[in-house]
Amino acid sequence: MIRVLVVDDQALVRGGFRLILDSQPDLEVVGEAADGREALAMARELRPDVVLMDVRMPGMDGLEATRRLLSGGEAPRVLMLTTFDLDEYVYDALRAGASGFLLKDVRPELLAEAVRVVADGDTLLAPAITRRLVQQYVRRIRPGSTRPAALDALTERELAVLRLLARGRSNGEIASELYLSETTVKTHVTHVFGKLGLRDRAQAVVMAYESGLVEPGSS
């Protein structure tokens, strides 16, 4: 059973998400929070697997709550919720360690599947909207200005995998482009995360753009 905490300042939105998720046999909403501070307290108490976090809330917003939530040891996965597909906070949310984001008008079946995806350790980066957002907001920094020395520890194959991952490719697509098996790609992804000290694909995307390994607008 995947335990979910829903965080939104609108009670109707929280209730709607609860109805959708609780109707699934493998999902359970264990709590609802109306702002970031309440979310942090409830996450410590309830230990959810996934937090559905609204971006814009009074008091402590979803971005700050995500930073604090993911700064600890065993943190849940965070799936950001936003009303606008070009929300100014989305890129910062990815940098903070969020596992992706959804628009609030997402279809019920996609919401449930998104929770399963992030609970399984993956990241919602495949949709074109996510690539557009990353490309949009990465322009605020100068590519190559923060190139980590750890990149030098990657093999050529691992660098190739990281580049494709940063462009939103799935493991299957990476395998097809590099003529590898999906199992081999998963192994390379694991090695990349380990060598770079990354939590997931979202952080890998941010590092690839900020280091200049991938340029905005590349496909």
C-alpha atoms as a PDB file:
ATOM      1  CA  MET A   1       0.000   0.000   0.000  1.00  0.00           C
ATOM      2  CA  ILE A   2       1.360   3.420  -1.005  1.00  0.00           C
ATOM      3  CA  ARG A   3       0.750   6.012   1.703  1.00  0.00           C
ATOM      4  CA  VAL A   4       0.021   9.540   0.439  1.00  0.00           C
ATOM      5  CA  LEU A   5      -0.110  12.935   2.162  1.00  0.00           C
ATOM      6  CA  VAL A   6      -2.103  15.589   0.269  1.00  0.00           C
ATOM      7  CA  VAL A   7      -1.024  19.218   0.788  1.00  0.00           C
ATOM      8  CA  ASP A   8      -3.145  22.078  -0.594  1.00  0.00           C
ATOM      9  CA  ASP A   9      -4.659  25.200   0.930  1.00  0.00           C
ATOM     10  CA  GLN A  10      -8.045  24.489  -0.682  1.00  0.00           C
ATOM     11  CA  ALA A  11     -10.170  21.932   1.141  1.00  0.00           C
ATOM     12  CA  LEU A  12     -12.137  21.060  -1.994  1.00  0.00           C
ATOM     13  CA  VAL A  13      -8.949  20.229  -3.872  1.00  0.00           C
ATOM     14  CA  ARG A  14      -7.674  18.055  -1.042  1.00  0.00           C
ATOM     15  CA  GLY A  15     -10.999  16.268  -0.823  1.00  0.00           C
ATOM     16  CA  GLY A  16     -11.066  15.650  -4.554  1.00  0.00           C
ATOM     17  CA  PHE A  17      -7.604  14.150  -4.579  1.00  0.00           C
ATOM     18  CA  ARG A  18      -8.466  11.998  -1.565  1.00  0.00           C
ATOM     19  CA  LEU A  19     -11.534  10.575  -3.323  1.00  0.00           C
ATOM     20  CA  ILE A  20      -9.514   9.756  -6.432  1.00  0.00           C
ATOM     21  CA  LEU A  21      -6.601   8.147  -4.617  1.00  0.00           C
ATOM     22  CA  ASP A  22      -8.589   6.272  -1.985  1.00  0.00           C
ATOM     23  CA  SER A  23     -10.595   4.622  -4.766  1.00  0.00           C
ATOM     24  CA  GLN A  24      -7.435   2.793  -5.851  1.00  0.00           C
ATOM     25  CA  PRO A  25      -6.729  -0.575  -4.173  1.00  0.00           C
ATOM     26  CA  ASP A  26      -3.012   0.153  -3.732  1.00  0.00           C
ATOM     27  CA  LEU A  27      -3.205   3.811  -2.610  1.00  0.00           C
ATOM     28  CA  GLU A  28      -4.177   5.311   0.752  1.00  0.00           C
ATOM     29  CA  VAL A  29      -4.406   8.973   1.732  1.00  0.00           C
ATOM     30  CA  VAL A  30      -3.091   9.033   5.301  1.00  0.00           C
ATOM     31  CA  GLY A  31      -3.524  12.775   5.880  1.00  0.00           C
ATOM     32  CA  GLU A  32      -4.280  16.234   4.535  1.00  0.00           C
ATOM     33  CA  ALA A  33      -2.383  19.462   5.228  1.00  0.00           C
ATOM     34  CA  ALA A  34      -3.392  23.038   4.401  1.00  0.00           C
ATOM     35  CA  ASP A  35       0.077  24.630   4.238  1.00  0.00           C
ATOM     36  CA  GLY A  36       3.788  23.882   4.293  1.00  0.00           C
ATOM     37  CA  ARG A  37       4.266  23.963   8.054  1.00  0.00           C
ATOM     38  CA  GLU A  38       1.391  21.589   8.641  1.00  0.00           C
ATOM     39  CA  ALA A  39       2.772  19.346   5.895  1.00  0.00           C
ATOM     40  CA  LEU A  40       6.157  19.082   7.613  1.00  0.00           C
ATOM     41  CA  ALA A  41       4.566  18.184  10.934  1.00  0.00           C
ATOM     42  CA  MET A  42       2.254  15.607   9.399  1.00  0.00           C
ATOM     43  CA  ALA A  43       5.026  14.069   7.299  1.00  0.00           C
ATOM     44  CA  ARG A  44       7.115  13.520  10.438  1.00  0.00           C
ATOM     45  CA  GLU A  45       4.177  11.933  12.200  1.00  0.00           C
ATOM     46  CA  LEU A  46       2.615   9.887   9.396  1.00  0.00           C
ATOM     47  CA  ARG A  47       5.684   8.869   7.355  1.00  0.00           C
ATOM     48  CA  PRO A  48       3.977   8.931   3.926  1.00  0.00           C
ATOM     49  CA  ASP A  49       5.632   7.394   0.870  1.00  0.00           C
ATOM     50  CA  VAL A  50       4.527  10.232  -1.407  1.00  0.00           C
ATOM     51  CA  VAL A  51       3.568  13.856  -0.698  1.00  0.00           C
ATOM     52  CA  LEU A  52       1.325  15.658  -3.191  1.00  0.00           C
ATOM     53  CA  MET A  53       2.513  19.226  -2.616  1.00  0.00           C
ATOM     54  CA  ASP A  54       0.804  22.355  -3.904  1.00  0.00           C
ATOM     55  CA  VAL A  55       3.279  25.027  -5.004  1.00  0.00           C
ATOM     56  CA  ARG A  56       1.387  28.178  -4.070  1.00  0.00           C
ATOM     57  CA  MET A  57       0.140  28.322  -0.473  1.00  0.00           C
ATOM     58  CA  PRO A  58      -0.044  31.091   2.157  1.00  0.00           C
ATOM     59  CA  GLY A  59       2.502  31.029   4.948  1.00  0.00           C
ATOM     60  CA  MET A  60       5.122  28.453   4.022  1.00  0.00           C
ATOM     61  CA  ASP A  61       4.729  27.618   0.336  1.00  0.00           C
ATOM     62  CA  GLY A  62       5.277  24.239  -1.271  1.00  0.00           C
ATOM     63  CA  LEU A  63       8.782  25.029  -2.454  1.00  0.00           C
ATOM     64  CA  GLU A  64      10.142  25.850   1.001  1.00  0.00           C
ATOM     65  CA  ALA A  65       8.280  22.899   2.497  1.00  0.00           C
ATOM     66  CA  THR A  66       9.836  20.624  -0.119  1.00  0.00           C
ATOM     67  CA  ARG A  67      13.342  21.921   0.627  1.00  0.00           C
ATOM     68  CA  ARG A  68      12.907  21.256   4.339  1.00  0.00           C
ATOM     69  CA  LEU A  69      11.171  17.939   3.846  1.00  0.00           C
ATOM     70  CA  LEU A  70      13.893  16.568   1.578  1.00  0.00           C
ATOM     71  CA  SER A  71      16.825  17.883   3.610  1.00  0.00           C
ATOM     72  CA  GLY A  72      16.434  15.104   6.156  1.00  0.00           C
ATOM     73  CA  GLY A  73      17.429  11.466   6.033  1.00  0.00           C
ATOM     74  CA  GLU A  74      14.653   9.159   4.907  1.00  0.00           C
ATOM     75  CA  ALA A  75      12.347  11.569   3.118  1.00  0.00           C
ATOM     76  CA  PRO A  76       9.210  10.791   1.112  1.00  0.00           C
ATOM     77  CA  ARG A  77       8.942  11.407  -2.595  1.00  0.00           C
ATOM     78  CA  VAL A  78       7.409  14.793  -3.445  1.00  0.00           C
ATOM     79  CA  LEU A  79       5.108  15.352  -6.399  1.00  0.00           C
ATOM     80  CA  MET A  80       4.416  19.042  -6.962  1.00  0.00           C
ATOM     81  CA  LEU A  81       0.965  20.321  -7.945  1.00  0.00           C
ATOM     82  CA  THR A  82       0.495  23.527  -9.901  1.00  0.00           C
ATOM     83  CA  THR A  83      -2.332  25.366 -11.623  1.00  0.00           C
ATOM     84  CA  PHE A  84      -0.146  26.823 -14.348  1.00  0.00           C
ATOM     85  CA  ASP A  85       1.999  24.871 -16.782  1.00  0.00           C
ATOM     86  CA  LEU A  86       4.671  27.577 -16.603  1.00  0.00           C
ATOM     87  CA  ASP A  87       4.704  28.101 -12.857  1.00  0.00           C
ATOM     88  CA  GLU A  88       7.786  30.143 -11.918  1.00  0.00           C
ATOM     89  CA  TYR A  89       8.556  27.792  -9.050  1.00  0.00           C
ATOM     90  CA  VAL A  90       8.676  24.498 -10.918  1.00  0.00           C
ATOM     91  CA  TYR A  91      12.356  24.613 -11.834  1.00  0.00           C
ATOM     92  CA  ASP A  92      13.260  25.553  -8.265  1.00  0.00           C
ATOM     93  CA  ALA A  93      11.128  22.654  -7.056  1.00  0.00           C
ATOM     94  CA  LEU A  94      13.121  20.243  -9.197  1.00  0.00           C
ATOM     95  CA  ARG A  95      16.338  21.698  -7.805  1.00  0.00           C
ATOM     96  CA  ALA A  96      15.002  21.178  -4.307  1.00  0.00           C
ATOM     97  CA  GLY A  97      14.614  17.489  -5.044  1.00  0.00           C
ATOM     98  CA  ALA A  98      10.962  17.123  -6.047  1.00  0.00           C
ATOM     99  CA  SER A  99      10.290  14.056  -8.154  1.00  0.00           C
ATOM    100  CA  GLY A 100       8.261  15.949 -10.730  1.00  0.00           C
ATOM    101  CA  PHE A 101       5.015  17.857 -11.015  1.00  0.00           C
ATOM    102  CA  LEU A 102       1.455  17.635 -12.233  1.00  0.00           C
ATOM    103  CA  LEU A 103      -1.144  20.163 -13.285  1.00  0.00           C
ATOM    104  CA  LYS A 104      -4.155  20.203 -10.981  1.00  0.00           C
ATOM    105  CA  ASP A 105      -6.493  19.407 -13.856  1.00  0.00           C
ATOM    106  CA  VAL A 106      -4.774  16.049 -14.441  1.00  0.00           C
ATOM    107  CA  ARG A 107      -7.122  13.179 -15.271  1.00  0.00           C
ATOM    108  CA  PRO A 108      -7.887  10.911 -12.280  1.00  0.00           C
ATOM    109  CA  GLU A 109      -6.208   7.840 -13.762  1.00  0.00           C
ATOM    110  CA  LEU A 110      -3.050   9.831 -14.504  1.00  0.00           C
ATOM    111  CA  LEU A 111      -2.935  11.182 -10.959  1.00  0.00           C
ATOM    112  CA  ALA A 112      -3.008   7.674  -9.510  1.00  0.00           C
ATOM    113  CA  GLU A 113      -0.375   6.461 -11.962  1.00  0.00           C
ATOM    114  CA  ALA A 114       1.858   9.453 -11.204  1.00  0.00           C
ATOM    115  CA  VAL A 115       1.815   8.585  -7.507  1.00  0.00           C
ATOM    116  CA  ARG A 116       2.782   5.003  -8.332  1.00  0.00           C
ATOM    117  CA  VAL A 117       5.614   6.168 -10.588  1.00  0.00           C
ATOM    118  CA  VAL A 118       7.276   8.398  -8.008  1.00  0.00           C
ATOM    119  CA  ALA A 119       6.667   5.903  -5.185  1.00  0.00           C
ATOM    120  CA  ASP A 120       8.571   3.365  -7.281  1.00  0.00           C
ATOM    121  CA  GLY A 121      11.573   5.690  -7.337  1.00  0.00           C
ATOM    122  CA  ASP A 122      11.149   7.119 -10.818  1.00  0.00           C
ATOM    123  CA  THR A 123      10.564  10.718 -11.837  1.00  0.00           C
ATOM    124  CA  LEU A 124       7.900  12.394 -13.953  1.00  0.00           C
ATOM    125  CA  LEU A 125      10.204  13.923 -16.552  1.00  0.00           C
ATOM    126  CA  ALA A 126       9.028  12.351 -19.770  1.00  0.00           C
ATOM    127  CA  PRO A 127       6.120  14.698 -20.602  1.00  0.00           C
ATOM    128  CA  ALA A 128       7.069  17.453 -23.020  1.00  0.00           C
ATOM    129  CA  ILE A 129       5.759  20.050 -20.600  1.00  0.00           C
ATOM    130  CA  THR A 130       8.457  19.124 -18.096  1.00  0.00           C
ATOM    131  CA  ARG A 131      11.229  19.421 -20.654  1.00  0.00           C
ATOM    132  CA  ARG A 132       9.857  22.834 -21.658  1.00  0.00           C
ATOM    133  CA  LEU A 133       9.834  24.012 -18.064  1.00  0.00           C
ATOM    134  CA  VAL A 134      13.377  22.851 -17.385  1.00  0.00           C
ATOM    135  CA  GLN A 135      14.601  24.511 -20.557  1.00  0.00           C
ATOM    136  CA  GLN A 136      12.729  27.709 -19.690  1.00  0.00           C
ATOM    137  CA  TYR A 137      14.086  28.157 -16.202  1.00  0.00           C
ATOM    138  CA  VAL A 138      17.584  26.865 -16.707  1.00  0.00           C
ATOM    139  CA  ARG A 139      18.182  30.008 -18.794  1.00  0.00           C
ATOM    140  CA  ARG A 140      18.396  31.902 -15.520  1.00  0.00           C
ATOM    141  CA  ILE A 141      21.797  30.381 -14.804  1.00  0.00           C
ATOM    142  CA  ARG A 142      24.964  30.366 -16.897  1.00  0.00           C
ATOM    143  CA  PRO A 143      25.542  26.820 -18.163  1.00  0.00           C
ATOM    144  CA  GLY A 144      28.925  25.467 -17.141  1.00  0.00           C
ATOM    145  CA  SER A 145      29.302  27.852 -14.217  1.00  0.00           C
ATOM    146  CA  THR A 146      28.674  25.120 -11.668  1.00  0.00           C
ATOM    147  CA  ARG A 147      30.264  22.074 -13.315  1.00  0.00           C
ATOM    148  CA  PRO A 148      30.887  19.544 -10.530  1.00  0.00           C
ATOM    149  CA  ALA A 149      34.233  17.754 -10.471  1.00  0.00           C
ATOM    150  CA  ALA A 150      32.347  14.482  -9.998  1.00  0.00           C
ATOM    151  CA  LEU A 151      31.363  14.565 -13.680  1.00  0.00           C
ATOM    152  CA  ASP A 152      34.958  13.655 -14.498  1.00  0.00           C
ATOM    153  CA  ALA A 153      34.409  10.324 -12.751  1.00  0.00           C
ATOM    154  CA  LEU A 154      31.751   9.274 -15.281  1.00  0.00           C
ATOM    155  CA  THR A 155      32.643   7.002 -18.181  1.00  0.00           C
ATOM    156  CA  GLU A 156      31.795   8.048 -21.731  1.00  0.00           C
ATOM    157  CA  ARG A 157      28.860   5.655 -21.711  1.00  0.00           C
ATOM    158  CA  GLU A 158      27.589   7.066 -18.416  1.00  0.00           C
ATOM    159  CA  LEU A 159      27.867  10.607 -19.791  1.00  0.00           C
ATOM    160  CA  ALA A 160      25.866   9.557 -22.845  1.00  0.00           C
ATOM    161  CA  VAL A 161      23.175   8.063 -20.611  1.00  0.00           C
ATOM    162  CA  LEU A 162      23.084  11.235 -18.488  1.00  0.00           C
ATOM    163  CA  ARG A 163      22.677  13.446 -21.565  1.00  0.00           C
ATOM    164  CA  LEU A 164      19.731  11.427 -22.838  1.00  0.00           C
ATOM    165  CA  LEU A 165      18.192  11.194 -19.378  1.00  0.00           C
ATOM    166  CA  ALA A 166      18.405  14.986 -19.097  1.00  0.00           C
ATOM    167  CA  ARG A 167      16.501  15.336 -22.365  1.00  0.00           C
ATOM    168  CA  GLY A 168      13.577  13.441 -20.883  1.00  0.00           C
ATOM    169  CA  ARG A 169      14.248  10.043 -22.426  1.00  0.00           C
ATOM    170  CA  SER A 170      12.889   6.963 -20.658  1.00  0.00           C
ATOM    171  CA  ASN A 171      15.130   3.978 -19.945  1.00  0.00           C
ATOM    172  CA  GLY A 172      13.585   2.207 -22.933  1.00  0.00           C
ATOM    173  CA  GLU A 173      14.308   5.130 -25.246  1.00  0.00           C
ATOM    174  CA  ILE A 174      17.880   5.411 -23.966  1.00  0.00           C
ATOM    175  CA  ALA A 175      18.376   1.689 -24.534  1.00  0.00           C
ATOM    176  CA  SER A 176      17.114   2.021 -28.112  1.00  0.00           C
ATOM    177  CA  GLU A 177      19.313   5.025 -28.932  1.00  0.00           C
ATOM    178  CA  LEU A 178      22.478   3.525 -27.442  1.00  0.00           C
ATOM    179  CA  TYR A 179      21.771  -0.053 -28.571  1.00  0.00           C
ATOM    180  CA  LEU A 180      21.773  -1.366 -25.021  1.00  0.00           C
ATOM    181  CA  SER A 181      19.382  -3.463 -22.965  1.00  0.00           C
ATOM    182  CA  GLU A 182      17.106  -1.709 -20.487  1.00  0.00           C
ATOM    183  CA  THR A 183      18.799  -3.618 -17.675  1.00  0.00           C
ATOM    184  CA  THR A 184      22.178  -2.220 -18.737  1.00  0.00           C
ATOM    185  CA  VAL A 185      20.725   1.295 -18.919  1.00  0.00           C
ATOM    186  CA  LYS A 186      19.304   0.946 -15.397  1.00  0.00           C
ATOM    187  CA  THR A 187      22.746  -0.103 -14.191  1.00  0.00           C
ATOM    188  CA  HIS A 188      24.358   2.929 -15.836  1.00  0.00           C
ATOM    189  CA  VAL A 189      21.720   5.239 -14.319  1.00  0.00           C
ATOM    190  CA  THR A 190      22.400   3.772 -10.875  1.00  0.00           C
ATOM    191  CA  HIS A 191      26.142   4.344 -11.331  1.00  0.00           C
ATOM    192  CA  VAL A 192      25.542   7.953 -12.457  1.00  0.00           C
ATOM    193  CA  PHE A 193      23.409   8.663  -9.403  1.00  0.00           C
ATOM    194  CA  GLY A 194      25.980   7.077  -7.101  1.00  0.00           C
ATOM    195  CA  LYS A 195      29.000   8.892  -8.544  1.00  0.00           C
ATOM    196  CA  LEU A 196      27.253  12.271  -8.599  1.00  0.00           C
ATOM    197  CA  GLY A 197      25.484  11.880  -5.252  1.00  0.00           C
ATOM    198  CA  LEU A 198      22.051  12.352  -6.819  1.00  0.00           C
ATOM    199  CA  ARG A 199      18.700  11.336  -5.414  1.00  0.00           C
ATOM    200  CA  ASP A 200      16.813  10.798  -8.665  1.00  0.00           C
ATOM    201  CA  ARG A 201      16.328  11.734 -12.310  1.00  0.00           C
ATOM    202  CA  ALA A 202      15.054  15.208 -11.505  1.00  0.00           C
ATOM    203  CA  GLN A 203      18.324  16.161  -9.815  1.00  0.00           C
ATOM    204  CA  ALA A 204      20.257  14.546 -12.673  1.00  0.00           C
ATOM    205  CA  VAL A 205      18.434  16.748 -15.181  1.00  0.00           C
ATOM    206  CA  VAL A 206      19.178  19.899 -13.208  1.00  0.00           C
ATOM    207  CA  MET A 207      22.867  19.022 -12.857  1.00  0.00           C
ATOM    208  CA  ALA A 208      23.192  18.217 -16.566  1.00  0.00           C
ATOM    209  CA  TYR A 209      21.771  21.603 -17.563  1.00  0.00           C
ATOM    210  CA  GLU A 210      23.610  23.642 -14.939  1.00  0.00           C
ATOM    211  CA  SER A 211      26.945  22.031 -15.765  1.00  0.00           C
ATOM    212  CA  GLY A 212      26.527  22.713 -19.488  1.00  0.00           C
ATOM    213  CA  LEU A 213      26.450  18.994 -20.335  1.00  0.00           C
ATOM    214  CA  VAL A 214      23.085  19.603 -22.015  1.00  0.00           C
ATOM    215  CA  GLU A 215      22.019  22.943 -23.468  1.00  0.00           C
ATOM    216  CA  PRO A 216      18.510  24.421 -23.273  1.00  0.00           C
ATOM    217  CA  GLY A 217      16.541  23.696 -26.409  1.00  0.00           C
ATOM    218  CA  SER A 218      18.469  20.544 -27.311  1.00  0.00           C
ATOM    219  CA  SER A 219      16.387  17.478 -28.055  1.00  0.00           C
END
